[in-house]
C-alpha atoms as a PDB file:
ATOM      1  CA  MET A   1      16.446 -17.581  17.010  1.00  0.00           C
ATOM      2  CA  THR A   2      19.473 -15.939  18.566  1.00  0.00           C
ATOM      3  CA  VAL A   3      20.194 -12.214  18.414  1.00  0.00           C
ATOM      4  CA  VAL A   4      23.867 -11.290  18.730  1.00  0.00           C
ATOM      5  CA  GLY A   5      24.747  -7.679  19.556  1.00  0.00           C
ATOM      6  CA  ASP A   6      23.137  -4.589  21.032  1.00  0.00           C
ATOM      7  CA  PRO A   7      20.239  -3.087  19.029  1.00  0.00           C
ATOM      8  CA  GLY A   8      20.854   0.258  20.757  1.00  0.00           C
ATOM      9  CA  MET A   9      23.992   0.658  18.628  1.00  0.00           C
ATOM     10  CA  TRP A  10      21.790   1.065  15.552  1.00  0.00           C
ATOM     11  CA  SER A  11      19.571   3.828  16.852  1.00  0.00           C
ATOM     12  CA  ASP A  12      21.174   6.460  14.591  1.00  0.00           C
ATOM     13  CA  THR A  13      19.958   4.795  11.379  1.00  0.00           C
ATOM     14  CA  LEU A  14      16.205   5.006  11.948  1.00  0.00           C
ATOM     15  CA  PRO A  15      14.054   6.518  14.680  1.00  0.00           C
ATOM     16  CA  ASP A  16      15.176   5.119  18.056  1.00  0.00           C
ATOM     17  CA  TYR A  17      12.097   3.005  18.611  1.00  0.00           C
ATOM     18  CA  LEU A  18      12.167   1.187  15.235  1.00  0.00           C
ATOM     19  CA  ILE A  19      15.336  -0.948  15.368  1.00  0.00           C
ATOM     20  CA  PRO A  20      14.409  -2.916  18.510  1.00  0.00           C
ATOM     21  CA  ARG A  21      10.880  -3.359  17.124  1.00  0.00           C
ATOM     22  CA  ILE A  22      12.257  -4.623  13.777  1.00  0.00           C
ATOM     23  CA  LEU A  23      14.518  -7.111  15.579  1.00  0.00           C
ATOM     24  CA  ASP A  24      11.604  -8.253  17.753  1.00  0.00           C
ATOM     25  CA  LEU A  25       9.435  -8.590  14.648  1.00  0.00           C
ATOM     26  CA  ILE A  26      12.019 -10.820  12.964  1.00  0.00           C
ATOM     27  CA  THR A  27      12.607 -12.909  16.082  1.00  0.00           C
ATOM     28  CA  GLU A  28       8.912 -13.450  16.759  1.00  0.00           C
ATOM     29  CA  THR A  29       7.899 -13.953  13.133  1.00  0.00           C
ATOM     30  CA  ARG A  30      10.697 -16.387  12.291  1.00  0.00           C
ATOM     31  CA  GLU A  31       9.243 -18.932  14.679  1.00  0.00           C
ATOM     32  CA  ALA A  32       5.981 -18.965  12.707  1.00  0.00           C
ATOM     33  CA  VAL A  33       7.599 -19.409   9.274  1.00  0.00           C
ATOM     34  CA  GLU A  34       7.789 -22.898   7.786  1.00  0.00           C
ATOM     35  CA  LYS A  35      11.183 -24.390   8.624  1.00  0.00           C
ATOM     36  CA  PRO A  36      13.533 -24.743   5.656  1.00  0.00           C
ATOM     37  CA  THR A  37      14.879 -28.082   4.571  1.00  0.00           C
ATOM     38  CA  PRO A  38      18.624 -28.768   4.983  1.00  0.00           C
ATOM     39  CA  THR A  39      19.143 -28.278   1.228  1.00  0.00           C
ATOM     40  CA  GLU A  40      16.834 -25.300   0.625  1.00  0.00           C
ATOM     41  CA  HIS A  41      18.232 -22.172  -0.991  1.00  0.00           C
ATOM     42  CA  GLU A  42      18.195 -18.666   0.453  1.00  0.00           C
ATOM     43  CA  VAL A  43      15.701 -16.902  -1.841  1.00  0.00           C
ATOM     44  CA  PRO A  44      12.662 -19.121  -1.103  1.00  0.00           C
ATOM     45  CA  ILE A  45      13.386 -18.900   2.635  1.00  0.00           C
ATOM     46  CA  THR A  46      13.662 -15.106   2.482  1.00  0.00           C
ATOM     47  CA  ARG A  47      10.504 -14.888   0.362  1.00  0.00           C
ATOM     48  CA  ARG A  48       8.517 -16.802   3.010  1.00  0.00           C
ATOM     49  CA  LEU A  49      10.044 -14.735   5.808  1.00  0.00           C
ATOM     50  CA  ARG A  50       9.200 -11.437   4.087  1.00  0.00           C
ATOM     51  CA  ARG A  51       5.598 -12.500   3.498  1.00  0.00           C
ATOM     52  CA  ALA A  52       5.233 -13.381   7.185  1.00  0.00           C
ATOM     53  CA  LEU A  53       7.012 -10.178   8.269  1.00  0.00           C
ATOM     54  CA  LYS A  54       4.677  -8.029   6.166  1.00  0.00           C
ATOM     55  CA  GLN A  55       1.609  -9.665   7.698  1.00  0.00           C
ATOM     56  CA  ALA A  56       2.998  -9.343  11.226  1.00  0.00           C
ATOM     57  CA  LYS A  57       4.121  -5.716  10.822  1.00  0.00           C
ATOM     58  CA  ASP A  58       0.666  -4.754   9.526  1.00  0.00           C
ATOM     59  CA  TYR A  59      -0.904  -6.469  12.544  1.00  0.00           C
ATOM     60  CA  GLN A  60       1.481  -4.663  14.908  1.00  0.00           C
ATOM     61  CA  ARG A  61       1.106  -1.384  12.991  1.00  0.00           C
ATOM     62  CA  LEU A  62       4.859  -1.104  12.634  1.00  0.00           C
ATOM     63  CA  PRO A  63       5.478   1.951  10.384  1.00  0.00           C
ATOM     64  CA  VAL A  64       7.989   0.419   7.970  1.00  0.00           C
ATOM     65  CA  GLN A  65       8.049  -0.836   4.412  1.00  0.00           C
ATOM     66  CA  ILE A  66       9.820  -4.144   3.771  1.00  0.00           C
ATOM     67  CA  GLU A  67      11.536  -4.782   0.453  1.00  0.00           C
ATOM     68  CA  ARG A  68      13.193  -7.992  -0.748  1.00  0.00           C
ATOM     69  CA  GLU A  69      16.078  -8.180  -3.233  1.00  0.00           C
ATOM     70  CA  SER A  70      16.322  -4.401  -3.396  1.00  0.00           C
ATOM     71  CA  VAL A  71      18.998  -3.197  -5.828  1.00  0.00           C
ATOM     72  CA  GLU A  72      21.776  -1.078  -4.302  1.00  0.00           C
ATOM     73  CA  ASP A  73      23.419   1.283  -6.791  1.00  0.00           C
ATOM     74  CA  ASP A  74      26.601   3.287  -6.369  1.00  0.00           C
ATOM     75  CA  PRO A  75      25.411   6.854  -5.628  1.00  0.00           C
ATOM     76  CA  SER A  76      28.135   8.455  -7.752  1.00  0.00           C
ATOM     77  CA  THR A  77      28.262   6.126 -10.788  1.00  0.00           C
ATOM     78  CA  GLY A  78      24.880   4.431 -10.787  1.00  0.00           C
ATOM     79  CA  ALA A  79      26.560   1.027 -11.165  1.00  0.00           C
ATOM     80  CA  GLU A  80      24.822  -1.850  -9.412  1.00  0.00           C
ATOM     81  CA  LEU A  81      26.689  -2.833  -6.254  1.00  0.00           C
ATOM     82  CA  GLY A  82      24.456  -5.702  -5.225  1.00  0.00           C
ATOM     83  CA  ARG A  83      21.034  -6.659  -3.958  1.00  0.00           C
ATOM     84  CA  ILE A  84      19.888  -6.213  -0.379  1.00  0.00           C
ATOM     85  CA  ASP A  85      18.032  -9.303   0.805  1.00  0.00           C
ATOM     86  CA  LEU A  86      15.715  -7.504   3.251  1.00  0.00           C
ATOM     87  CA  LYS A  87      15.412  -3.747   3.525  1.00  0.00           C
ATOM     88  CA  PHE A  88      13.350  -1.951   6.176  1.00  0.00           C
ATOM     89  CA  LEU A  89      12.448   1.640   5.324  1.00  0.00           C
ATOM     90  CA  PRO A  90      10.523   4.081   7.511  1.00  0.00           C
ATOM     91  CA  ALA A  91       6.968   4.371   6.190  1.00  0.00           C
ATOM     92  CA  VAL A  92       7.353   8.143   6.036  1.00  0.00           C
ATOM     93  CA  SER A  93      10.730   9.496   4.977  1.00  0.00           C
ATOM     94  CA  ALA A  94      11.939  11.850   2.290  1.00  0.00           C
ATOM     95  CA  LEU A  95      15.360  10.161   2.275  1.00  0.00           C
ATOM     96  CA  GLU A  96      15.806   6.959   0.260  1.00  0.00           C
ATOM     97  CA  GLU A  97      19.144   6.389   1.987  1.00  0.00           C
ATOM     98  CA  VAL A  98      17.566   5.906   5.425  1.00  0.00           C
ATOM     99  CA  TYR A  99      16.926   2.206   5.903  1.00  0.00           C
ATOM    100  CA  PHE A 100      18.084  -0.843   7.788  1.00  0.00           C
ATOM    101  CA  ALA A 101      19.396  -3.671   5.608  1.00  0.00           C
ATOM    102  CA  PHE A 102      19.751  -7.367   6.307  1.00  0.00           C
ATOM    103  CA  GLU A 103      21.921  -9.715   4.281  1.00  0.00           C
ATOM    104  CA  CYS A 104      20.658 -13.286   4.589  1.00  0.00           C
ATOM    105  CA  LYS A 105      22.912 -16.329   4.341  1.00  0.00           C
ATOM    106  CA  ARG A 106      22.482 -20.040   4.891  1.00  0.00           C
ATOM    107  CA  LEU A 107      24.594 -21.868   7.453  1.00  0.00           C
ATOM    108  CA  ASN A 108      25.091 -25.591   8.141  1.00  0.00           C
ATOM    109  CA  ILE A 109      23.558 -26.855   4.909  1.00  0.00           C
ATOM    110  CA  LEU A 110      23.389 -30.346   3.482  1.00  0.00           C
ATOM    111  CA  GLU A 111      25.000 -30.573   0.033  1.00  0.00           C
ATOM    112  CA  ASN A 112      25.522 -33.841  -1.841  1.00  0.00           C
ATOM    113  CA  GLY A 113      24.863 -35.693   1.393  1.00  0.00           C
ATOM    114  CA  LYS A 114      27.547 -33.782   3.294  1.00  0.00           C
ATOM    115  CA  ARG A 115      27.271 -30.950   5.795  1.00  0.00           C
ATOM    116  CA  ARG A 116      28.837 -27.606   4.793  1.00  0.00           C
ATOM    117  CA  THR A 117      29.070 -24.796   7.334  1.00  0.00           C
ATOM    118  CA  LEU A 118      29.153 -21.892   4.825  1.00  0.00           C
ATOM    119  CA  ALA A 119      30.686 -19.780   7.625  1.00  0.00           C
ATOM    120  CA  PRO A 120      33.370 -18.420   5.250  1.00  0.00           C
ATOM    121  CA  GLU A 121      30.668 -17.353   2.776  1.00  0.00           C
ATOM    122  CA  TYR A 122      28.632 -15.783   5.593  1.00  0.00           C
ATOM    123  CA  VAL A 123      31.635 -13.630   6.511  1.00  0.00           C
ATOM    124  CA  MET A 124      33.124 -12.855   3.080  1.00  0.00           C
ATOM    125  CA  GLU A 125      29.953 -12.677   0.953  1.00  0.00           C
ATOM    126  CA  GLY A 126      27.712 -11.302   3.678  1.00  0.00           C
ATOM    127  CA  MET A 127      29.359  -9.291   6.431  1.00  0.00           C
ATOM    128  CA  MET A 128      32.108  -7.951   4.191  1.00  0.00           C
ATOM    129  CA  ARG A 129      29.567  -6.504   1.755  1.00  0.00           C
ATOM    130  CA  PHE A 130      28.606  -4.055   4.492  1.00  0.00           C
ATOM    131  CA  VAL A 131      32.238  -3.352   5.394  1.00  0.00           C
ATOM    132  CA  ALA A 132      33.162  -2.750   1.734  1.00  0.00           C
ATOM    133  CA  GLY A 133      30.173  -0.437   1.220  1.00  0.00           C
ATOM    134  CA  LYS A 134      28.384  -2.657  -1.292  1.00  0.00           C
ATOM    135  CA  TYR A 135      25.296  -2.596   0.935  1.00  0.00           C
ATOM    136  CA  ALA A 136      24.018   0.304   2.994  1.00  0.00           C
ATOM    137  CA  SER A 137      26.971   2.407   1.850  1.00  0.00           C
ATOM    138  CA  VAL A 138      25.648   5.589   3.434  1.00  0.00           C
ATOM    139  CA  MET A 139      24.416   3.850   6.586  1.00  0.00           C
ATOM    140  CA  ARG A 140      26.645   3.089   9.541  1.00  0.00           C
ATOM    141  CA  HIS A 141      24.946  -0.199  10.418  1.00  0.00           C
ATOM    142  CA  GLY A 142      23.306  -3.246   8.899  1.00  0.00           C
ATOM    143  CA  GLY A 143      22.326  -6.721  10.002  1.00  0.00           C
ATOM    144  CA  MET A 144      22.925 -10.322   9.095  1.00  0.00           C
ATOM    145  CA  LEU A 145      20.356 -13.111   9.200  1.00  0.00           C
ATOM    146  CA  GLY A 146      21.749 -16.606   9.325  1.00  0.00           C
ATOM    147  CA  TYR A 147      19.425 -19.387   8.234  1.00  0.00           C
ATOM    148  CA  VAL A 148      20.824 -22.291  10.263  1.00  0.00           C
ATOM    149  CA  LEU A 149      19.417 -25.192   8.273  1.00  0.00           C
ATOM    150  CA  ASP A 150      20.373 -27.975  10.679  1.00  0.00           C
ATOM    151  CA  GLY A 151      19.043 -26.123  13.748  1.00  0.00           C
ATOM    152  CA  ARG A 152      22.439 -26.060  15.486  1.00  0.00           C
ATOM    153  CA  CYS A 153      22.546 -22.300  16.174  1.00  0.00           C
ATOM    154  CA  ASN A 154      25.286 -22.293  18.814  1.00  0.00           C
ATOM    155  CA  ASP A 155      27.503 -24.325  16.496  1.00  0.00           C
ATOM    156  CA  ALA A 156      26.839 -21.932  13.596  1.00  0.00           C
ATOM    157  CA  ILE A 157      27.647 -18.882  15.755  1.00  0.00           C
ATOM    158  CA  ARG A 158      30.876 -20.498  16.919  1.00  0.00           C
ATOM    159  CA  LEU A 159      31.905 -21.322  13.343  1.00  0.00           C
ATOM    160  CA  VAL A 160      31.244 -17.761  12.156  1.00  0.00           C
ATOM    161  CA  LYS A 161      33.211 -16.323  15.107  1.00  0.00           C
ATOM    162  CA  ASN A 162      36.092 -18.724  14.397  1.00  0.00           C
ATOM    163  CA  ASN A 163      36.076 -17.712  10.741  1.00  0.00           C
ATOM    164  CA  ILE A 164      36.255 -14.013  11.628  1.00  0.00           C
ATOM    165  CA  GLN A 165      39.087 -14.621  14.099  1.00  0.00           C
ATOM    166  CA  LYS A 166      41.010 -16.760  11.632  1.00  0.00           C
ATOM    167  CA  ARG A 167      40.740 -14.217   8.815  1.00  0.00           C
ATOM    168  CA  TRP A 168      41.691 -11.204  10.886  1.00  0.00           C
ATOM    169  CA  ARG A 169      43.833 -12.852  13.578  1.00  0.00           C
ATOM    170  CA  LEU A 170      41.707 -11.441  16.398  1.00  0.00           C
END
């Protein structure tokens, strides 16, 4: 698993010590989860990952709750904005709005015998949901988990970066 970015940037969302521990938990636990098939869908993969994360966080005594497919509602209208794939909440907090969210997306899948990168979907249906405030609207940060189904992580990262640059002419 590859982590892109600096976890220190997220220290204002939860207590300073939790974000690096959550990222370590995901990185370490992911290796123990059954590998997905090239055609597997996101929900079963995330379900297996969450089960393994819950067991590992209990073992490590990490003080967080982990939710899957948590509904995110607009705070002013109550309308459903979307569902957060993985949500880490401090075990003790009076504020529902304090959490760290991950949107999970598949990359490099096999569909009808052909490889599809899904990099555009990762950017537009994943990353942009944070930017547009559909997920973690009151939080400054969130994370993305890319399930690289063909195991070619460097290729998937390159394709996502290229997609971002192409869309925003960076």
